[in-house]
């Protein structure tokens, strides 16, 4: 016997607002993959004295529109460069793309 589900929810439906509490930087980078962020962090750390300040954030932490708005207002708005790598295209982070 199978039990039929009566409701469904996506992961985005379950997301709650999060404030990453990051400070502004010259360069900010966002990605869904930890390996992207780890690679950027390692490259920056190797020559940090000569490079501009940098902040990294995982897009999985910015799924809720309020989280996106908080992050843009406190970090991205002050950056000289914003790098976003979205695997899967625009629809995977539509609200964030629209706001940036």
N, C-alpha and C. Protein backbone atom coordinates (compact mmCIF):
# COMPACT_ATOMS: atom_id res chain seq x y z
N UNK A 1 0.85 -1.17 0.00
CA UNK A 1 0.00 0.00 0.00
C UNK A 1 0.90 1.24 0.00
N UNK A 2 0.50 2.24 -0.77
CA UNK A 2 1.23 3.49 -0.84
C UNK A 2 0.42 4.59 -0.17
N UNK A 3 1.12 5.47 0.48
CA UNK A 3 0.45 6.62 1.09
C UNK A 3 0.64 7.81 0.15
N UNK A 4 -0.44 8.42 -0.24
CA UNK A 4 -0.39 9.57 -1.13
C UNK A 4 -0.12 10.83 -0.33
N UNK A 5 0.73 11.68 -0.87
CA UNK A 5 0.99 12.95 -0.21
C UNK A 5 -0.11 13.93 -0.56
N UNK A 6 -0.47 14.74 0.40
CA UNK A 6 -1.52 15.73 0.16
C UNK A 6 -0.96 17.13 0.02
N UNK A 7 0.28 17.32 0.43
CA UNK A 7 0.92 18.62 0.28
C UNK A 7 2.34 18.40 -0.21
N UNK A 8 2.88 19.43 -0.80
CA UNK A 8 4.27 19.38 -1.22
C UNK A 8 4.89 20.74 -0.98
N UNK A 9 6.20 20.72 -0.82
CA UNK A 9 6.92 21.98 -0.61
C UNK A 9 8.31 21.83 -1.20
N UNK A 10 8.80 22.91 -1.78
CA UNK A 10 10.16 22.90 -2.28
C UNK A 10 11.08 23.42 -1.18
N UNK A 11 12.37 23.26 -1.37
CA UNK A 11 13.31 23.76 -0.38
C UNK A 11 13.18 25.27 -0.22
N UNK A 12 12.91 25.97 -1.32
CA UNK A 12 12.76 27.43 -1.23
C UNK A 12 11.56 27.83 -0.38
N UNK A 13 10.52 27.01 -0.38
CA UNK A 13 9.35 27.32 0.44
C UNK A 13 9.68 27.24 1.92
N UNK A 14 10.70 26.47 2.26
CA UNK A 14 11.06 26.27 3.65
C UNK A 14 12.13 27.24 4.13
N UNK A 15 12.68 28.04 3.23
CA UNK A 15 13.76 28.96 3.59
C UNK A 15 13.25 30.06 4.50
N UNK A 16 14.07 30.38 5.49
CA UNK A 16 13.77 31.50 6.38
C UNK A 16 14.80 32.59 6.14
N UNK A 17 14.46 33.84 6.42
CA UNK A 17 15.41 34.93 6.22
C UNK A 17 16.66 34.76 7.09
N UNK A 18 17.81 35.09 6.50
CA UNK A 18 19.08 35.00 7.20
C UNK A 18 19.86 36.27 6.93
N UNK A 19 20.47 36.84 7.97
CA UNK A 19 21.38 37.97 7.80
C UNK A 19 22.79 37.41 7.91
N UNK A 20 23.57 37.47 6.84
CA UNK A 20 24.92 36.92 6.85
C UNK A 20 25.89 37.76 7.67
N UNK A 21 25.50 38.96 8.00
CA UNK A 21 26.31 39.87 8.83
C UNK A 21 27.72 40.07 8.27
N UNK A 22 27.80 40.18 6.96
CA UNK A 22 29.07 40.47 6.32
C UNK A 22 29.29 41.97 6.27
N UNK A 23 30.55 42.37 6.28
CA UNK A 23 30.89 43.77 6.11
C UNK A 23 31.22 44.01 4.63
N UNK A 24 31.14 45.26 4.17
CA UNK A 24 31.42 45.55 2.76
C UNK A 24 32.86 45.22 2.37
N UNK A 25 33.07 45.00 1.08
CA UNK A 25 34.40 44.75 0.52
C UNK A 25 34.42 45.25 -0.91
N UNK A 26 35.63 45.38 -1.46
CA UNK A 26 35.76 45.83 -2.84
C UNK A 26 35.20 44.82 -3.84
N UNK A 27 35.43 43.54 -3.56
CA UNK A 27 34.99 42.46 -4.43
C UNK A 27 34.13 41.51 -3.61
N UNK A 28 32.97 41.16 -4.14
CA UNK A 28 32.12 40.16 -3.48
C UNK A 28 31.79 39.08 -4.51
N UNK A 29 31.77 37.84 -4.04
CA UNK A 29 31.50 36.72 -4.94
C UNK A 29 30.47 35.80 -4.31
N UNK A 30 29.55 35.35 -5.14
CA UNK A 30 28.49 34.43 -4.73
C UNK A 30 28.53 33.20 -5.62
N UNK A 31 28.28 32.04 -5.04
CA UNK A 31 28.19 30.81 -5.82
C UNK A 31 27.38 29.78 -5.05
N UNK A 32 26.79 28.84 -5.78
CA UNK A 32 26.10 27.73 -5.15
C UNK A 32 27.09 26.66 -4.69
N UNK A 33 28.30 26.63 -5.28
CA UNK A 33 29.22 25.54 -4.98
C UNK A 33 30.31 25.96 -4.00
N UNK A 34 30.53 25.11 -3.01
CA UNK A 34 31.57 25.37 -2.03
C UNK A 34 32.96 25.35 -2.66
N UNK A 35 33.15 24.54 -3.69
CA UNK A 35 34.46 24.47 -4.33
C UNK A 35 34.82 25.78 -5.02
N UNK A 36 33.84 26.46 -5.61
CA UNK A 36 34.10 27.80 -6.18
C UNK A 36 34.59 28.75 -5.10
N UNK A 37 33.87 28.78 -4.01
CA UNK A 37 34.19 29.70 -2.92
C UNK A 37 35.52 29.35 -2.28
N UNK A 38 35.80 28.07 -2.10
CA UNK A 38 37.07 27.64 -1.52
C UNK A 38 38.23 28.01 -2.43
N UNK A 39 38.06 27.84 -3.74
CA UNK A 39 39.10 28.21 -4.69
C UNK A 39 39.39 29.70 -4.69
N UNK A 40 38.34 30.50 -4.67
CA UNK A 40 38.52 31.96 -4.60
C UNK A 40 39.20 32.37 -3.29
N UNK A 41 38.80 31.76 -2.19
CA UNK A 41 39.39 32.08 -0.89
C UNK A 41 40.88 31.73 -0.87
N UNK A 42 41.23 30.57 -1.41
CA UNK A 42 42.64 30.15 -1.44
C UNK A 42 43.48 31.07 -2.33
N UNK A 43 42.95 31.42 -3.49
CA UNK A 43 43.68 32.31 -4.40
C UNK A 43 43.87 33.68 -3.78
N UNK A 44 42.84 34.19 -3.14
CA UNK A 44 42.94 35.51 -2.50
C UNK A 44 43.93 35.47 -1.34
N UNK A 45 43.87 34.43 -0.53
CA UNK A 45 44.74 34.31 0.63
C UNK A 45 46.22 34.25 0.22
N UNK A 46 46.50 33.65 -0.92
CA UNK A 46 47.88 33.51 -1.38
C UNK A 46 48.53 34.85 -1.70
N UNK A 47 47.73 35.87 -1.99
CA UNK A 47 48.28 37.18 -2.36
C UNK A 47 47.46 38.31 -1.75
N UNK A 48 46.94 38.10 -0.57
CA UNK A 48 46.00 39.03 0.06
C UNK A 48 46.56 40.44 0.25
N UNK A 49 47.87 40.56 0.44
CA UNK A 49 48.46 41.88 0.68
C UNK A 49 48.33 42.80 -0.52
N UNK A 50 48.30 42.25 -1.72
CA UNK A 50 48.23 43.07 -2.93
C UNK A 50 46.83 43.16 -3.52
N UNK A 51 45.92 42.35 -3.04
CA UNK A 51 44.58 42.29 -3.63
C UNK A 51 43.59 43.15 -2.86
N UNK A 52 42.52 43.59 -3.53
CA UNK A 52 41.47 44.33 -2.82
C UNK A 52 40.74 43.42 -1.83
N UNK A 53 40.01 44.02 -0.93
CA UNK A 53 39.25 43.23 0.05
C UNK A 53 38.18 42.41 -0.66
N UNK A 54 37.84 41.25 -0.07
CA UNK A 54 36.90 40.35 -0.72
C UNK A 54 35.99 39.69 0.32
N UNK A 55 34.73 39.48 -0.07
CA UNK A 55 33.77 38.72 0.73
C UNK A 55 33.18 37.63 -0.16
N UNK A 56 32.94 36.48 0.43
CA UNK A 56 32.35 35.34 -0.28
C UNK A 56 31.08 34.94 0.43
N UNK A 57 30.10 34.48 -0.35
CA UNK A 57 28.85 33.99 0.25
C UNK A 57 28.28 32.87 -0.60
N UNK A 58 27.66 31.93 0.07
CA UNK A 58 27.00 30.81 -0.61
C UNK A 58 25.57 31.22 -0.95
N UNK A 59 25.19 31.02 -2.19
CA UNK A 59 23.84 31.38 -2.62
C UNK A 59 22.77 30.58 -1.88
N UNK A 60 23.10 29.42 -1.37
CA UNK A 60 22.11 28.64 -0.61
C UNK A 60 21.67 29.39 0.64
N UNK A 61 22.51 30.32 1.12
CA UNK A 61 22.16 31.12 2.29
C UNK A 61 21.34 32.35 1.93
N UNK A 62 21.18 32.61 0.65
CA UNK A 62 20.46 33.80 0.18
C UNK A 62 19.25 33.40 -0.66
N UNK A 63 18.49 32.46 -0.20
CA UNK A 63 17.31 32.00 -0.94
C UNK A 63 16.08 32.85 -0.64
N UNK A 64 15.98 33.37 0.56
CA UNK A 64 14.80 34.15 0.95
C UNK A 64 14.98 35.60 0.45
N UNK A 65 13.94 36.20 -0.11
CA UNK A 65 14.06 37.58 -0.61
C UNK A 65 14.57 38.57 0.44
N UNK A 66 14.16 38.41 1.69
CA UNK A 66 14.65 39.33 2.72
C UNK A 66 16.15 39.16 2.93
N UNK A 67 16.65 37.94 2.84
CA UNK A 67 18.09 37.69 2.97
C UNK A 67 18.85 38.38 1.84
N UNK A 68 18.31 38.29 0.64
CA UNK A 68 18.92 38.93 -0.53
C UNK A 68 18.95 40.44 -0.32
N UNK A 69 17.84 41.02 0.07
CA UNK A 69 17.76 42.47 0.27
C UNK A 69 18.75 42.94 1.34
N UNK A 70 18.84 42.23 2.45
CA UNK A 70 19.78 42.59 3.51
C UNK A 70 21.22 42.54 3.01
N UNK A 71 21.55 41.48 2.28
CA UNK A 71 22.91 41.32 1.79
C UNK A 71 23.27 42.40 0.77
N UNK A 72 22.35 42.68 -0.14
CA UNK A 72 22.62 43.72 -1.14
C UNK A 72 22.82 45.07 -0.46
N UNK A 73 21.95 45.41 0.48
CA UNK A 73 22.05 46.71 1.16
C UNK A 73 23.32 46.85 1.98
N UNK A 74 23.75 45.77 2.63
CA UNK A 74 24.90 45.89 3.53
C UNK A 74 26.24 45.56 2.86
N UNK A 75 26.24 44.80 1.77
CA UNK A 75 27.50 44.35 1.18
C UNK A 75 27.62 44.74 -0.30
N UNK A 76 26.75 44.22 -1.13
CA UNK A 76 26.89 44.39 -2.59
C UNK A 76 26.82 45.84 -3.03
N UNK A 77 25.98 46.62 -2.39
CA UNK A 77 25.82 48.03 -2.76
C UNK A 77 27.14 48.81 -2.66
N UNK A 78 28.04 48.37 -1.80
CA UNK A 78 29.30 49.07 -1.55
C UNK A 78 30.47 48.49 -2.33
N UNK A 79 30.25 47.38 -3.02
CA UNK A 79 31.34 46.70 -3.74
C UNK A 79 31.65 47.37 -5.07
N UNK A 80 32.89 47.25 -5.49
CA UNK A 80 33.28 47.72 -6.81
C UNK A 80 33.01 46.64 -7.86
N UNK A 81 33.07 45.37 -7.44
CA UNK A 81 32.83 44.24 -8.34
C UNK A 81 31.95 43.22 -7.61
N UNK A 82 30.90 42.76 -8.29
CA UNK A 82 30.05 41.69 -7.77
C UNK A 82 30.10 40.54 -8.77
N UNK A 83 30.60 39.40 -8.33
CA UNK A 83 30.70 38.21 -9.17
C UNK A 83 29.70 37.18 -8.68
N UNK A 84 28.82 36.73 -9.59
CA UNK A 84 27.81 35.73 -9.22
C UNK A 84 27.90 34.58 -10.21
N UNK A 85 28.11 33.39 -9.70
CA UNK A 85 28.11 32.20 -10.56
C UNK A 85 26.87 31.39 -10.22
N UNK A 86 25.96 31.33 -11.18
CA UNK A 86 24.69 30.64 -10.97
C UNK A 86 24.64 29.40 -11.85
N UNK A 87 24.83 28.26 -11.24
CA UNK A 87 24.69 27.00 -11.97
C UNK A 87 23.21 26.73 -12.18
N UNK A 88 22.83 26.44 -13.39
CA UNK A 88 21.43 26.18 -13.68
C UNK A 88 20.72 27.38 -14.28
N UNK A 89 21.39 28.53 -14.33
CA UNK A 89 20.82 29.68 -14.98
C UNK A 89 20.01 30.61 -14.10
N UNK A 90 19.51 31.63 -14.75
CA UNK A 90 18.78 32.73 -14.12
C UNK A 90 17.67 32.27 -13.19
N UNK A 91 16.91 31.29 -13.59
CA UNK A 91 15.74 30.87 -12.79
C UNK A 91 16.10 30.30 -11.43
N UNK A 92 17.33 29.89 -11.23
CA UNK A 92 17.72 29.32 -9.94
C UNK A 92 17.88 30.38 -8.86
N UNK A 93 18.08 31.64 -9.26
CA UNK A 93 18.22 32.72 -8.27
C UNK A 93 17.59 33.99 -8.85
N UNK A 94 16.37 33.84 -9.35
CA UNK A 94 15.67 34.90 -10.07
C UNK A 94 15.57 36.20 -9.27
N UNK A 95 15.12 36.13 -8.03
CA UNK A 95 14.94 37.35 -7.24
C UNK A 95 16.27 38.08 -7.06
N UNK A 96 17.32 37.33 -6.73
CA UNK A 96 18.63 37.95 -6.54
C UNK A 96 19.14 38.60 -7.81
N UNK A 97 18.98 37.91 -8.94
CA UNK A 97 19.41 38.48 -10.23
C UNK A 97 18.66 39.78 -10.52
N UNK A 98 17.36 39.76 -10.30
CA UNK A 98 16.55 40.95 -10.55
C UNK A 98 16.99 42.12 -9.67
N UNK A 99 17.30 41.84 -8.42
CA UNK A 99 17.67 42.91 -7.50
C UNK A 99 19.05 43.47 -7.79
N UNK A 100 19.98 42.61 -8.20
CA UNK A 100 21.32 43.11 -8.54
C UNK A 100 21.26 43.94 -9.81
